[in-house]
Amino acid sequence: MVIRTRIRAILNQLALLAGAAAAIAYFSYQAFNGEHGIQAQHQFDQQKQDLGNELALLQKEHAALDRRVNLLRSQAIDPDMLDEKARDVLGLVHPNDEVVLLGK
């Protein structure tokens, strides 16, 4: 009887230890590979950096387009910009201009 009680106590301790080890292994795996784990954080950081670079590029493009739009406003029309747009829209050239046709 004493032997069975002792074996049962040892098995209970082993089961508890195995359960704790399994829980530690599960949570360690999730901390590294899980949806919010270390690898996911690195991917989010990389995506954040890529989107930041794209945002900077788009802001530069926006600023360039904004400068061109401001040149076409009626308060301060730039004669060169007006001439360029008129020629582009109407398809006209000045007699002193040299036209170079590029084959496509």
Protein backbone atom coordinates (compact mmCIF):
# COMPACT_ATOMS: atom_id res chain seq x y z
CA MET A 1 0.00 0.00 0.00
CA VAL A 2 2.79 2.38 0.87
CA ILE A 3 4.53 1.55 -2.41
CA ARG A 4 1.45 2.41 -4.47
CA THR A 5 1.04 5.71 -2.63
CA ARG A 6 4.68 6.56 -3.21
CA ILE A 7 4.48 5.62 -6.93
CA ARG A 8 1.29 7.69 -7.27
CA ALA A 9 3.01 10.70 -5.64
CA ILE A 10 5.99 10.38 -7.98
CA LEU A 11 3.71 10.05 -11.03
CA ASN A 12 1.71 13.10 -9.92
CA GLN A 13 4.91 15.12 -9.64
CA LEU A 14 6.09 13.92 -13.06
CA ALA A 15 2.72 14.75 -14.62
CA LEU A 16 2.79 18.21 -13.07
CA LEU A 17 6.36 18.73 -14.27
CA ALA A 18 5.49 17.51 -17.79
CA GLY A 19 2.45 19.80 -17.90
CA ALA A 20 4.53 22.78 -16.79
CA ALA A 21 7.20 21.96 -19.38
CA ALA A 22 4.53 21.69 -22.10
CA ALA A 23 3.03 25.05 -21.09
CA ILE A 24 6.47 26.70 -21.09
CA ALA A 25 7.25 25.21 -24.51
CA TYR A 26 3.89 26.37 -25.93
CA PHE A 27 4.22 29.94 -24.66
CA SER A 28 7.87 30.13 -25.77
CA TYR A 29 6.89 29.03 -29.27
CA GLN A 30 4.05 31.56 -29.40
CA ALA A 31 6.30 34.35 -28.13
CA PHE A 32 8.67 33.78 -31.04
CA ASN A 33 6.45 32.56 -33.91
CA GLY A 34 2.99 33.70 -32.88
CA GLU A 35 0.77 36.34 -34.45
CA HIS A 36 2.23 39.01 -32.15
CA GLY A 37 5.62 37.37 -31.63
CA ILE A 38 9.17 38.50 -32.27
CA GLN A 39 9.18 37.55 -35.96
CA ALA A 40 5.86 39.30 -36.56
CA GLN A 41 7.25 42.43 -34.88
CA HIS A 42 10.24 42.40 -37.23
CA GLN A 43 7.89 42.06 -40.22
CA PHE A 44 5.75 44.94 -38.95
CA ASP A 45 8.86 47.10 -38.48
CA GLN A 46 10.03 46.33 -42.03
CA GLN A 47 6.59 47.10 -43.44
CA LYS A 48 6.50 50.34 -41.44
CA GLN A 49 9.88 51.37 -42.85
CA ASP A 50 8.82 50.53 -46.43
CA LEU A 51 5.60 52.52 -46.06
CA GLY A 52 7.52 55.43 -44.55
CA ASN A 53 9.85 55.47 -47.57
CA GLU A 54 6.87 55.34 -49.92
CA LEU A 55 5.21 58.19 -48.00
CA ALA A 56 8.34 60.35 -48.30
CA LEU A 57 8.46 59.72 -52.06
CA LEU A 58 4.78 60.57 -52.47
CA GLN A 59 5.21 63.74 -50.42
CA LYS A 60 8.04 64.83 -52.73
CA GLU A 61 5.87 64.16 -55.78
CA HIS A 62 2.99 66.04 -54.17
CA ALA A 63 5.22 69.04 -53.43
CA ALA A 64 6.50 69.09 -57.04
CA LEU A 65 2.97 68.93 -58.44
CA ASP A 66 1.82 71.58 -55.99
CA ARG A 67 4.58 73.92 -57.21
CA ARG A 68 3.50 73.37 -60.82
CA VAL A 69 -0.15 73.99 -59.96
CA ASN A 70 0.78 77.21 -58.16
CA LEU A 71 2.53 78.39 -61.32
CA LEU A 72 -0.73 77.95 -63.25
CA ARG A 73 -2.91 79.87 -60.79
CA SER A 74 -4.48 83.05 -62.13
CA GLN A 75 -2.83 85.25 -59.45
CA ALA A 76 0.69 84.55 -60.68
CA ILE A 77 0.78 82.88 -64.08
CA ASP A 78 4.29 82.06 -65.19
CA PRO A 79 4.59 82.96 -68.89
CA ASP A 80 6.90 80.04 -69.63
CA MET A 81 4.53 77.55 -68.00
CA LEU A 82 1.57 79.04 -69.88
CA ASP A 83 3.46 78.87 -73.16
CA GLU A 84 4.47 75.25 -72.52
CA LYS A 85 0.93 74.15 -71.69
CA ALA A 86 -0.61 76.03 -74.62
CA ARG A 87 1.80 74.45 -77.06
CA ASP A 88 1.20 71.01 -75.57
CA VAL A 89 -2.60 71.32 -75.70
CA LEU A 90 -2.82 72.96 -79.12
CA GLY A 91 0.00 71.00 -80.74
CA LEU A 92 1.66 74.17 -82.07
CA VAL A 93 5.33 75.09 -82.28
CA HIS A 94 7.13 78.42 -82.70
CA PRO A 95 8.84 78.94 -86.08
CA ASN A 96 12.23 79.21 -84.35
CA ASP A 97 11.78 75.95 -82.43
CA GLU A 98 13.55 72.78 -83.48
CA VAL A 99 11.29 69.74 -83.44
CA VAL A 100 12.79 66.32 -82.84
CA LEU A 101 10.51 63.37 -83.52
CA LEU A 102 11.28 60.26 -81.54
CA GLY A 103 10.27 56.89 -82.89
CA LYS A 104 8.25 54.75 -80.50
